[in-house]
C-alpha atoms as a PDB file:
ATOM      1  CA  MET A   1      11.733 -54.626  22.598  1.00  0.00           C
ATOM      2  CA  SER A   2      12.617 -52.038  24.783  1.00  0.00           C
ATOM      3  CA  ALA A   3      15.306 -49.842  23.511  1.00  0.00           C
ATOM      4  CA  ILE A   4      18.649 -48.819  24.776  1.00  0.00           C
ATOM      5  CA  ARG A   5      18.694 -45.588  25.492  1.00  0.00           C
ATOM      6  CA  LEU A   6      21.438 -43.578  24.041  1.00  0.00           C
ATOM      7  CA  ASP A   7      22.022 -41.003  26.957  1.00  0.00           C
ATOM      8  CA  GLY A   8      23.650 -38.206  25.665  1.00  0.00           C
ATOM      9  CA  GLN A   9      24.202 -35.763  28.751  1.00  0.00           C
ATOM     10  CA  ALA A  10      25.972 -39.038  30.659  1.00  0.00           C
ATOM     11  CA  VAL A  11      28.545 -39.227  27.599  1.00  0.00           C
ATOM     12  CA  ALA A  12      28.709 -35.416  27.371  1.00  0.00           C
ATOM     13  CA  ALA A  13      29.104 -35.500  30.727  1.00  0.00           C
ATOM     14  CA  ARG A  14      32.895 -37.919  30.509  1.00  0.00           C
ATOM     15  CA  ILE A  15      33.462 -35.655  27.547  1.00  0.00           C
ATOM     16  CA  LYS A  16      33.477 -32.935  29.390  1.00  0.00           C
ATOM     17  CA  MET A  17      35.607 -33.890  31.714  1.00  0.00           C
ATOM     18  CA  GLN A  18      37.802 -34.647  29.298  1.00  0.00           C
ATOM     19  CA  LEU A  19      37.803 -30.958  28.119  1.00  0.00           C
ATOM     20  CA  ALA A  20      38.373 -29.714  31.188  1.00  0.00           C
ATOM     21  CA  ASP A  21      42.004 -31.725  31.716  1.00  0.00           C
ATOM     22  CA  ARG A  22      42.888 -30.107  28.077  1.00  0.00           C
ATOM     23  CA  ALA A  23      41.777 -26.563  29.244  1.00  0.00           C
ATOM     24  CA  ALA A  24      43.700 -26.572  32.043  1.00  0.00           C
ATOM     25  CA  ARG A  25      46.896 -27.324  30.424  1.00  0.00           C
ATOM     26  CA  LEU A  26      46.102 -24.501  27.943  1.00  0.00           C
ATOM     27  CA  ALA A  27      45.360 -22.357  31.266  1.00  0.00           C
ATOM     28  CA  ALA A  28      48.564 -23.718  32.772  1.00  0.00           C
ATOM     29  CA  ALA A  29      50.580 -22.418  29.764  1.00  0.00           C
ATOM     30  CA  GLY A  30      49.348 -19.046  29.567  1.00  0.00           C
ATOM     31  CA  ARG A  31      46.627 -19.743  27.111  1.00  0.00           C
ATOM     32  CA  PRO A  32      43.749 -20.084  28.379  1.00  0.00           C
ATOM     33  CA  VAL A  33      40.576 -21.044  25.655  1.00  0.00           C
ATOM     34  CA  GLY A  34      37.883 -18.374  24.548  1.00  0.00           C
ATOM     35  CA  LEU A  35      34.657 -18.681  22.906  1.00  0.00           C
ATOM     36  CA  GLY A  36      33.499 -16.034  21.287  1.00  0.00           C
ATOM     37  CA  THR A  37      29.507 -15.875  20.918  1.00  0.00           C
ATOM     38  CA  ILE A  38      27.489 -13.863  18.900  1.00  0.00           C
ATOM     39  CA  LEU A  39      23.295 -13.235  19.294  1.00  0.00           C
ATOM     40  CA  VAL A  40      21.779 -11.321  17.551  1.00  0.00           C
ATOM     41  CA  GLY A  41      17.504  -9.899  18.447  1.00  0.00           C
ATOM     42  CA  ASP A  42      16.016 -11.415  21.840  1.00  0.00           C
ATOM     43  CA  ASP A  43      14.585 -15.248  20.104  1.00  0.00           C
ATOM     44  CA  PRO A  44      14.532 -16.854  23.464  1.00  0.00           C
ATOM     45  CA  ALA A  45      15.267 -20.444  22.058  1.00  0.00           C
ATOM     46  CA  SER A  46      18.543 -18.479  20.991  1.00  0.00           C
ATOM     47  CA  ALA A  47      18.880 -17.027  24.044  1.00  0.00           C
ATOM     48  CA  ALA A  48      18.094 -19.721  26.166  1.00  0.00           C
ATOM     49  CA  TYR A  49      20.617 -22.569  24.191  1.00  0.00           C
ATOM     50  CA  VAL A  50      24.160 -19.765  23.981  1.00  0.00           C
ATOM     51  CA  ALA A  51      23.159 -19.636  27.994  1.00  0.00           C
ATOM     52  CA  MET A  52      24.061 -23.357  27.841  1.00  0.00           C
ATOM     53  CA  LYS A  53      26.638 -23.162  26.031  1.00  0.00           C
ATOM     54  CA  HIS A  54      28.303 -20.157  28.394  1.00  0.00           C
ATOM     55  CA  ALA A  55      27.936 -22.981  31.215  1.00  0.00           C
ATOM     56  CA  ASP A  56      28.742 -25.617  29.166  1.00  0.00           C
ATOM     57  CA  CYS A  57      31.894 -23.315  28.400  1.00  0.00           C
ATOM     58  CA  ALA A  58      32.185 -22.400  32.236  1.00  0.00           C
ATOM     59  CA  GLU A  59      32.088 -25.956  33.727  1.00  0.00           C
ATOM     60  CA  VAL A  60      35.066 -26.981  31.105  1.00  0.00           C
ATOM     61  CA  GLY A  61      37.077 -23.700  32.308  1.00  0.00           C
ATOM     62  CA  VAL A  62      36.565 -21.990  28.717  1.00  0.00           C
ATOM     63  CA  THR A  63      35.816 -18.275  28.629  1.00  0.00           C
ATOM     64  CA  SER A  64      33.547 -16.996  27.301  1.00  0.00           C
ATOM     65  CA  PHE A  65      32.847 -13.388  25.265  1.00  0.00           C
ATOM     66  CA  HIS A  66      29.664 -12.196  24.660  1.00  0.00           C
ATOM     67  CA  GLU A  67      28.233  -9.787  22.388  1.00  0.00           C
ATOM     68  CA  HIS A  68      24.074  -9.070  22.142  1.00  0.00           C
ATOM     69  CA  LEU A  69      23.108  -7.148  18.871  1.00  0.00           C
ATOM     70  CA  ALA A  70      19.540  -5.423  18.653  1.00  0.00           C
ATOM     71  CA  ALA A  71      17.283  -7.239  15.884  1.00  0.00           C
ATOM     72  CA  ASN A  72      17.323  -4.454  13.733  1.00  0.00           C
ATOM     73  CA  ALA A  73      21.001  -4.459  13.385  1.00  0.00           C
ATOM     74  CA  THR A  74      22.577  -4.162  10.695  1.00  0.00           C
ATOM     75  CA  GLN A  75      24.535  -6.411   8.369  1.00  0.00           C
ATOM     76  CA  ASP A  76      27.643  -4.339   9.038  1.00  0.00           C
ATOM     77  CA  GLU A  77      27.117  -4.189  12.519  1.00  0.00           C
ATOM     78  CA  LEU A  78      27.338  -7.824  12.816  1.00  0.00           C
ATOM     79  CA  GLU A  79      30.195  -8.111  10.510  1.00  0.00           C
ATOM     80  CA  ALA A  80      32.023  -5.538  12.738  1.00  0.00           C
ATOM     81  CA  VAL A  81      32.090  -7.594  15.688  1.00  0.00           C
ATOM     82  CA  ILE A  82      32.923 -10.771  13.662  1.00  0.00           C
ATOM     83  CA  GLY A  83      35.828  -8.810  12.572  1.00  0.00           C
ATOM     84  CA  ARG A  84      37.040  -7.974  16.409  1.00  0.00           C
ATOM     85  CA  MET A  85      36.766 -11.350  17.387  1.00  0.00           C
ATOM     86  CA  ASN A  86      38.883 -12.082  14.416  1.00  0.00           C
ATOM     87  CA  ALA A  87      41.899 -10.046  15.571  1.00  0.00           C
ATOM     88  CA  ASP A  88      41.019 -10.883  19.593  1.00  0.00           C
ATOM     89  CA  PRO A  89      43.854 -13.383  20.752  1.00  0.00           C
ATOM     90  CA  ARG A  90      42.247 -14.151  23.460  1.00  0.00           C
ATOM     91  CA  VAL A  91      39.591 -15.516  20.934  1.00  0.00           C
ATOM     92  CA  HIS A  92      40.002 -18.991  19.603  1.00  0.00           C
ATOM     93  CA  ALA A  93      36.843 -19.933  18.644  1.00  0.00           C
ATOM     94  CA  ILE A  94      33.539 -17.821  17.211  1.00  0.00           C
ATOM     95  CA  LEU A  95      30.085 -19.169  16.906  1.00  0.00           C
ATOM     96  CA  VAL A  96      27.397 -16.863  15.917  1.00  0.00           C
ATOM     97  CA  GLN A  97      24.074 -17.787  16.604  1.00  0.00           C
ATOM     98  CA  LEU A  98      21.159 -18.955  14.441  1.00  0.00           C
ATOM     99  CA  PRO A  99      18.854 -18.340  13.269  1.00  0.00           C
ATOM    100  CA  LEU A 100      19.914 -14.386  12.186  1.00  0.00           C
ATOM    101  CA  PRO A 101      16.837 -12.000  12.271  1.00  0.00           C
ATOM    102  CA  ALA A 102      14.781 -11.421   9.304  1.00  0.00           C
ATOM    103  CA  GLY A 103      16.934  -8.958   6.803  1.00  0.00           C
ATOM    104  CA  LEU A 104      20.123 -10.698   7.942  1.00  0.00           C
ATOM    105  CA  ASP A 105      22.498 -12.852   5.587  1.00  0.00           C
ATOM    106  CA  GLU A 106      23.794 -15.730   7.877  1.00  0.00           C
ATOM    107  CA  GLU A 107      25.510 -17.190   4.759  1.00  0.00           C
ATOM    108  CA  ARG A 108      27.821 -14.015   4.451  1.00  0.00           C
ATOM    109  CA  ALA A 109      27.561 -13.978   8.210  1.00  0.00           C
ATOM    110  CA  LEU A 110      28.976 -17.252   8.543  1.00  0.00           C
ATOM    111  CA  ARG A 111      31.662 -16.989   5.838  1.00  0.00           C
ATOM    112  CA  ALA A 112      33.296 -13.160   7.381  1.00  0.00           C
ATOM    113  CA  VAL A 113      34.243 -16.286  10.541  1.00  0.00           C
ATOM    114  CA  ASP A 114      38.200 -16.783  10.173  1.00  0.00           C
ATOM    115  CA  PRO A 115      37.839 -20.523   8.972  1.00  0.00           C
ATOM    116  CA  ASP A 116      40.705 -21.287  11.791  1.00  0.00           C
ATOM    117  CA  LYS A 117      37.583 -19.611  14.518  1.00  0.00           C
ATOM    118  CA  ASP A 118      34.730 -21.019  13.103  1.00  0.00           C
ATOM    119  CA  VAL A 119      33.604 -23.962  15.739  1.00  0.00           C
ATOM    120  CA  ASP A 120      30.529 -24.809  14.272  1.00  0.00           C
ATOM    121  CA  GLY A 121      32.466 -25.781  11.368  1.00  0.00           C
ATOM    122  CA  LEU A 122      29.808 -24.162   8.501  1.00  0.00           C
ATOM    123  CA  HIS A 123      31.965 -22.226   6.584  1.00  0.00           C
ATOM    124  CA  PRO A 124      32.769 -22.983   3.368  1.00  0.00           C
ATOM    125  CA  VAL A 125      36.984 -23.619   3.891  1.00  0.00           C
ATOM    126  CA  ASN A 126      35.890 -26.099   6.482  1.00  0.00           C
ATOM    127  CA  LEU A 127      32.991 -28.026   4.557  1.00  0.00           C
ATOM    128  CA  GLY A 128      35.518 -28.251   2.370  1.00  0.00           C
ATOM    129  CA  ARG A 129      38.196 -30.294   4.052  1.00  0.00           C
ATOM    130  CA  LEU A 130      35.325 -32.281   5.046  1.00  0.00           C
ATOM    131  CA  VAL A 131      34.457 -33.214   2.009  1.00  0.00           C
ATOM    132  CA  MET A 132      37.718 -33.892   1.176  1.00  0.00           C
ATOM    133  CA  GLY A 133      38.016 -36.388   3.705  1.00  0.00           C
ATOM    134  CA  ARG A 134      40.453 -34.149   5.546  1.00  0.00           C
ATOM    135  CA  PRO A 135      38.754 -31.798   8.458  1.00  0.00           C
ATOM    136  CA  THR A 136      39.573 -29.437  10.882  1.00  0.00           C
ATOM    137  CA  VAL A 137      36.605 -28.576  12.489  1.00  0.00           C
ATOM    138  CA  VAL A 138      33.798 -31.184  12.133  1.00  0.00           C
ATOM    139  CA  ALA A 139      29.607 -29.375  12.694  1.00  0.00           C
ATOM    140  CA  CYS A 140      29.097 -29.844  16.098  1.00  0.00           C
ATOM    141  CA  THR A 141      25.907 -32.240  15.690  1.00  0.00           C
ATOM    142  CA  PRO A 142      27.189 -34.737  13.251  1.00  0.00           C
ATOM    143  CA  ALA A 143      30.419 -34.755  15.353  1.00  0.00           C
ATOM    144  CA  GLY A 144      28.283 -35.153  18.397  1.00  0.00           C
ATOM    145  CA  ILE A 145      25.842 -38.145  16.662  1.00  0.00           C
ATOM    146  CA  VAL A 146      28.747 -40.010  15.926  1.00  0.00           C
ATOM    147  CA  GLU A 147      30.413 -39.935  19.077  1.00  0.00           C
ATOM    148  CA  LEU A 148      27.329 -40.946  21.242  1.00  0.00           C
ATOM    149  CA  LEU A 149      26.678 -44.232  18.832  1.00  0.00           C
ATOM    150  CA  ALA A 150      30.131 -45.253  19.193  1.00  0.00           C
ATOM    151  CA  ALA A 151      29.852 -44.419  23.215  1.00  0.00           C
ATOM    152  CA  TYR A 152      27.002 -47.304  22.957  1.00  0.00           C
ATOM    153  CA  ASP A 153      28.996 -49.635  20.554  1.00  0.00           C
ATOM    154  CA  VAL A 154      26.387 -49.213  17.548  1.00  0.00           C
ATOM    155  CA  PRO A 155      27.689 -50.844  14.596  1.00  0.00           C
ATOM    156  CA  VAL A 156      27.918 -48.315  11.945  1.00  0.00           C
ATOM    157  CA  GLU A 157      31.258 -49.456   9.865  1.00  0.00           C
ATOM    158  CA  GLY A 158      29.627 -51.068   7.265  1.00  0.00           C
ATOM    159  CA  ARG A 159      26.479 -50.640   7.677  1.00  0.00           C
ATOM    160  CA  HIS A 160      23.242 -48.976   6.133  1.00  0.00           C
ATOM    161  CA  VAL A 161      23.074 -45.455   7.745  1.00  0.00           C
ATOM    162  CA  VAL A 162      20.226 -43.072   6.296  1.00  0.00           C
ATOM    163  CA  ILE A 163      20.006 -40.068   7.117  1.00  0.00           C
ATOM    164  CA  ILE A 164      16.310 -37.970   6.664  1.00  0.00           C
ATOM    165  CA  GLY A 165      16.693 -34.661   6.070  1.00  0.00           C
ATOM    166  CA  ARG A 166      19.604 -32.731   4.082  1.00  0.00           C
ATOM    167  CA  GLY A 167      20.260 -29.057   6.185  1.00  0.00           C
ATOM    168  CA  LEU A 168      23.426 -27.561   6.353  1.00  0.00           C
ATOM    169  CA  THR A 169      23.667 -27.677   9.976  1.00  0.00           C
ATOM    170  CA  ILE A 170      23.083 -31.321  10.052  1.00  0.00           C
ATOM    171  CA  GLY A 171      22.156 -33.593   7.099  1.00  0.00           C
ATOM    172  CA  ARG A 172      24.941 -32.969   4.575  1.00  0.00           C
ATOM    173  CA  PRO A 173      27.843 -32.750   6.996  1.00  0.00           C
ATOM    174  CA  LEU A 174      26.690 -35.702   8.442  1.00  0.00           C
ATOM    175  CA  ALA A 175      26.286 -37.633   5.642  1.00  0.00           C
ATOM    176  CA  LEU A 176      29.962 -36.841   4.796  1.00  0.00           C
ATOM    177  CA  LEU A 177      31.211 -37.988   7.811  1.00  0.00           C
ATOM    178  CA  LEU A 178      29.527 -41.293   8.664  1.00  0.00           C
ATOM    179  CA  ALA A 179      30.916 -42.368   4.755  1.00  0.00           C
ATOM    180  CA  SER A 180      34.581 -40.794   5.526  1.00  0.00           C
ATOM    181  CA  LYS A 181      37.274 -43.758   6.004  1.00  0.00           C
ATOM    182  CA  ARG A 182      37.757 -43.289   9.736  1.00  0.00           C
ATOM    183  CA  PRO A 183      36.668 -45.083  12.856  1.00  0.00           C
ATOM    184  CA  GLY A 184      33.459 -45.278  13.839  1.00  0.00           C
ATOM    185  CA  CYS A 185      31.992 -44.522  10.739  1.00  0.00           C
ATOM    186  CA  ASN A 186      32.843 -45.863   7.066  1.00  0.00           C
ATOM    187  CA  ALA A 187      29.281 -46.647   6.493  1.00  0.00           C
ATOM    188  CA  ALA A 188      26.803 -47.004   3.563  1.00  0.00           C
ATOM    189  CA  VAL A 189      24.517 -43.882   3.343  1.00  0.00           C
ATOM    190  CA  THR A 190      21.180 -42.752   2.165  1.00  0.00           C
ATOM    191  CA  VAL A 191      20.316 -39.184   2.364  1.00  0.00           C
ATOM    192  CA  VAL A 192      16.634 -38.652   1.795  1.00  0.00           C
ATOM    193  CA  HIS A 193      14.012 -35.908   2.800  1.00  0.00           C
ATOM    194  CA  THR A 194      10.322 -35.613   3.760  1.00  0.00           C
ATOM    195  CA  GLY A 195       9.387 -35.224  -0.477  1.00  0.00           C
ATOM    196  CA  VAL A 196      10.232 -38.702  -1.248  1.00  0.00           C
ATOM    197  CA  ALA A 197       7.108 -40.466  -1.749  1.00  0.00           C
ATOM    198  CA  ASP A 198       7.228 -43.604   0.180  1.00  0.00           C
ATOM    199  CA  LEU A 199       9.859 -42.593   3.492  1.00  0.00           C
ATOM    200  CA  GLY A 200       8.999 -45.843   4.696  1.00  0.00           C
ATOM    201  CA  ALA A 201      10.490 -48.140   2.381  1.00  0.00           C
ATOM    202  CA  LEU A 202      13.617 -46.749   2.687  1.00  0.00           C
ATOM    203  CA  THR A 203      13.695 -46.524   6.561  1.00  0.00           C
ATOM    204  CA  ARG A 204      13.381 -49.531   6.851  1.00  0.00           C
ATOM    205  CA  GLN A 205      16.535 -50.359   5.008  1.00  0.00           C
ATOM    206  CA  GLY A 206      19.171 -48.775   7.856  1.00  0.00           C
ATOM    207  CA  ASP A 207      20.451 -50.380  10.252  1.00  0.00           C
ATOM    208  CA  VAL A 208      20.949 -46.834  11.494  1.00  0.00           C
ATOM    209  CA  ILE A 209      18.278 -43.983  10.987  1.00  0.00           C
ATOM    210  CA  VAL A 210      18.802 -40.167  11.585  1.00  0.00           C
ATOM    211  CA  ALA A 211      15.999 -38.383  12.144  1.00  0.00           C
ATOM    212  CA  ALA A 212      16.962 -34.211  11.229  1.00  0.00           C
ATOM    213  CA  ALA A 213      14.271 -33.069   9.204  1.00  0.00           C
ATOM    214  CA  GLY A 214      12.169 -30.791  11.526  1.00  0.00           C
ATOM    215  CA  ARG A 215       8.914 -32.198  11.548  1.00  0.00           C
ATOM    216  CA  ALA A 216       7.484 -33.286  14.625  1.00  0.00           C
ATOM    217  CA  GLY A 217       6.892 -37.247  14.667  1.00  0.00           C
ATOM    218  CA  LEU A 218       7.761 -37.884  11.404  1.00  0.00           C
ATOM    219  CA  VAL A 219       9.489 -40.966  12.449  1.00  0.00           C
ATOM    220  CA  ALA A 220       6.934 -44.029  13.271  1.00  0.00           C
ATOM    221  CA  PRO A 221       7.614 -47.697  14.418  1.00  0.00           C
ATOM    222  CA  ASP A 222       6.300 -48.663  11.237  1.00  0.00           C
ATOM    223  CA  MET A 223       9.261 -47.052   9.489  1.00  0.00           C
ATOM    224  CA  VAL A 224      11.442 -48.895  11.556  1.00  0.00           C
ATOM    225  CA  ARG A 225      13.769 -52.432  11.062  1.00  0.00           C
ATOM    226  CA  PRO A 226      13.820 -54.185  14.452  1.00  0.00           C
ATOM    227  CA  GLY A 227      16.680 -53.846  16.297  1.00  0.00           C
ATOM    228  CA  ALA A 228      17.891 -50.700  14.228  1.00  0.00           C
ATOM    229  CA  ALA A 229      19.298 -47.525  15.726  1.00  0.00           C
ATOM    230  CA  VAL A 230      17.570 -44.597  15.850  1.00  0.00           C
ATOM    231  CA  VAL A 231      18.865 -41.050  16.633  1.00  0.00           C
ATOM    232  CA  ALA A 232      16.195 -37.923  17.210  1.00  0.00           C
ATOM    233  CA  ALA A 233      18.013 -34.682  15.746  1.00  0.00           C
ATOM    234  CA  GLY A 234      15.749 -32.738  14.226  1.00  0.00           C
ATOM    235  CA  THR A 235      13.128 -31.218  16.721  1.00  0.00           C
ATOM    236  CA  SER A 236      10.480 -28.260  16.427  1.00  0.00           C
ATOM    237  CA  TRP A 237       8.764 -25.888  18.700  1.00  0.00           C
ATOM    238  CA  ALA A 238       4.325 -26.338  19.599  1.00  0.00           C
ATOM    239  CA  GLY A 239       4.354 -23.127  21.828  1.00  0.00           C
ATOM    240  CA  ARG A 240       7.417 -23.895  24.331  1.00  0.00           C
ATOM    241  CA  LYS A 241       7.252 -27.751  24.169  1.00  0.00           C
ATOM    242  CA  LEU A 242      10.101 -28.880  22.310  1.00  0.00           C
ATOM    243  CA  LEU A 243       8.990 -32.031  20.196  1.00  0.00           C
ATOM    244  CA  SER A 244      11.369 -34.479  18.272  1.00  0.00           C
ATOM    245  CA  ASP A 245      10.563 -35.855  14.849  1.00  0.00           C
ATOM    246  CA  VAL A 246      10.713 -39.021  16.488  1.00  0.00           C
ATOM    247  CA  ASP A 247       7.208 -40.981  17.561  1.00  0.00           C
ATOM    248  CA  GLU A 248       8.108 -42.334  21.714  1.00  0.00           C
ATOM    249  CA  SER A 249       6.560 -45.435  20.283  1.00  0.00           C
ATOM    250  CA  VAL A 250       9.464 -46.289  18.531  1.00  0.00           C
ATOM    251  CA  ALA A 251      10.831 -47.065  21.368  1.00  0.00           C
ATOM    252  CA  ASP A 252       9.245 -50.319  21.052  1.00  0.00           C
ATOM    253  CA  VAL A 253      10.745 -51.187  17.750  1.00  0.00           C
ATOM    254  CA  ALA A 254      14.255 -50.128  17.941  1.00  0.00           C
ATOM    255  CA  GLY A 255      17.517 -51.435  19.231  1.00  0.00           C
ATOM    256  CA  TRP A 256      18.927 -47.853  20.297  1.00  0.00           C
ATOM    257  CA  LEU A 257      17.175 -44.747  20.297  1.00  0.00           C
ATOM    258  CA  SER A 258      18.358 -40.971  21.573  1.00  0.00           C
ATOM    259  CA  PRO A 259      15.697 -39.306  24.259  1.00  0.00           C
ATOM    260  CA  ARG A 260      13.606 -36.342  22.872  1.00  0.00           C
ATOM    261  CA  ILE A 261      15.810 -34.100  25.615  1.00  0.00           C
ATOM    262  CA  GLY A 262      19.078 -35.643  26.848  1.00  0.00           C
ATOM    263  CA  GLY A 263      19.995 -36.945  23.972  1.00  0.00           C
ATOM    264  CA  VAL A 264      21.384 -35.111  20.805  1.00  0.00           C
ATOM    265  CA  GLY A 265      21.185 -31.847  22.283  1.00  0.00           C
ATOM    266  CA  PRO A 266      24.053 -32.456  25.048  1.00  0.00           C
ATOM    267  CA  MET A 267      26.418 -33.791  22.572  1.00  0.00           C
ATOM    268  CA  THR A 268      26.124 -30.695  20.457  1.00  0.00           C
ATOM    269  CA  ARG A 269      26.796 -28.601  23.133  1.00  0.00           C
ATOM    270  CA  ALA A 270      30.228 -30.565  23.509  1.00  0.00           C
ATOM    271  CA  MET A 271      31.392 -30.710  20.495  1.00  0.00           C
ATOM    272  CA  LEU A 272      30.918 -26.730  20.191  1.00  0.00           C
ATOM    273  CA  VAL A 273      33.282 -27.165  23.376  1.00  0.00           C
ATOM    274  CA  ARG A 274      35.419 -29.194  21.708  1.00  0.00           C
ATOM    275  CA  ASN A 275      35.891 -27.765  18.930  1.00  0.00           C
ATOM    276  CA  ALA A 276      36.823 -24.248  20.973  1.00  0.00           C
ATOM    277  CA  VAL A 277      39.549 -26.316  23.174  1.00  0.00           C
ATOM    278  CA  THR A 278      41.212 -28.009  19.874  1.00  0.00           C
ATOM    279  CA  ALA A 279      40.962 -24.491  18.059  1.00  0.00           C
ATOM    280  CA  ALA A 280      43.536 -23.155  20.979  1.00  0.00           C
ATOM    281  CA  GLU A 281      45.333 -26.303  20.986  1.00  0.00           C
ATOM    282  CA  ARG A 282      46.064 -24.998  17.087  1.00  0.00           C
ATOM    283  CA  VAL A 283      47.055 -21.912  17.598  1.00  0.00           C
ATOM    284  CA  ARG A 284      50.745 -21.292  18.190  1.00  0.00           C
END
């Protein structure tokens, strides 16, 4: 068996074409979409990621407003920038690039963002709306995973999804989203983590496995039921090389598999742009 490649790059390209039409209609009505990004420090991976987001915005017709603060910026300086973007009518969505340098409070920074401009869906108000089953903004990577599975007709509704990882950006919101009664979701969801004694005994029960633990090569072929869909959402770094939570040999067992490069990453960025466009559409 050779797994079907879940090509996030191709799906994201189609989504961005649709977003470009929506952004153009807003611009024609005198309301061009604006995304504000805030980068603190000079972490190369964070800087590269923000640059890719700006490129996506330019491709779709979304204007980027960027603030780059020094690594020694204070919490007050960071929150002052957030406050200016909250008050700026040209900025419809705000991204605070994580992780922040040591000494800065990430949770406090995320709370400072206007919930209506929270492009990442991580503000407590938006997470609470997701818990209630009435989300207005969904975290980008979980939303991208759901879109990617739907694009390849991977059966999810009524099936068993096993998520490895309970983090705020992927595992927890994804579990809530997939368990909700909405198209492409409505699944039985099990959330596990690397502290579980026999992880494979649980992952082998999954029709869909989402690896989001940030541990390279965590998911091996013997942990996957033949024909299951496997989404490699977690990554880590070895020097300058990006590593996946899923061993490449899983392709010999799985029915579907997202690649290390060009899988979940492009979908995450496409959902960020979609959240920005949607935020602009909500403004009256």
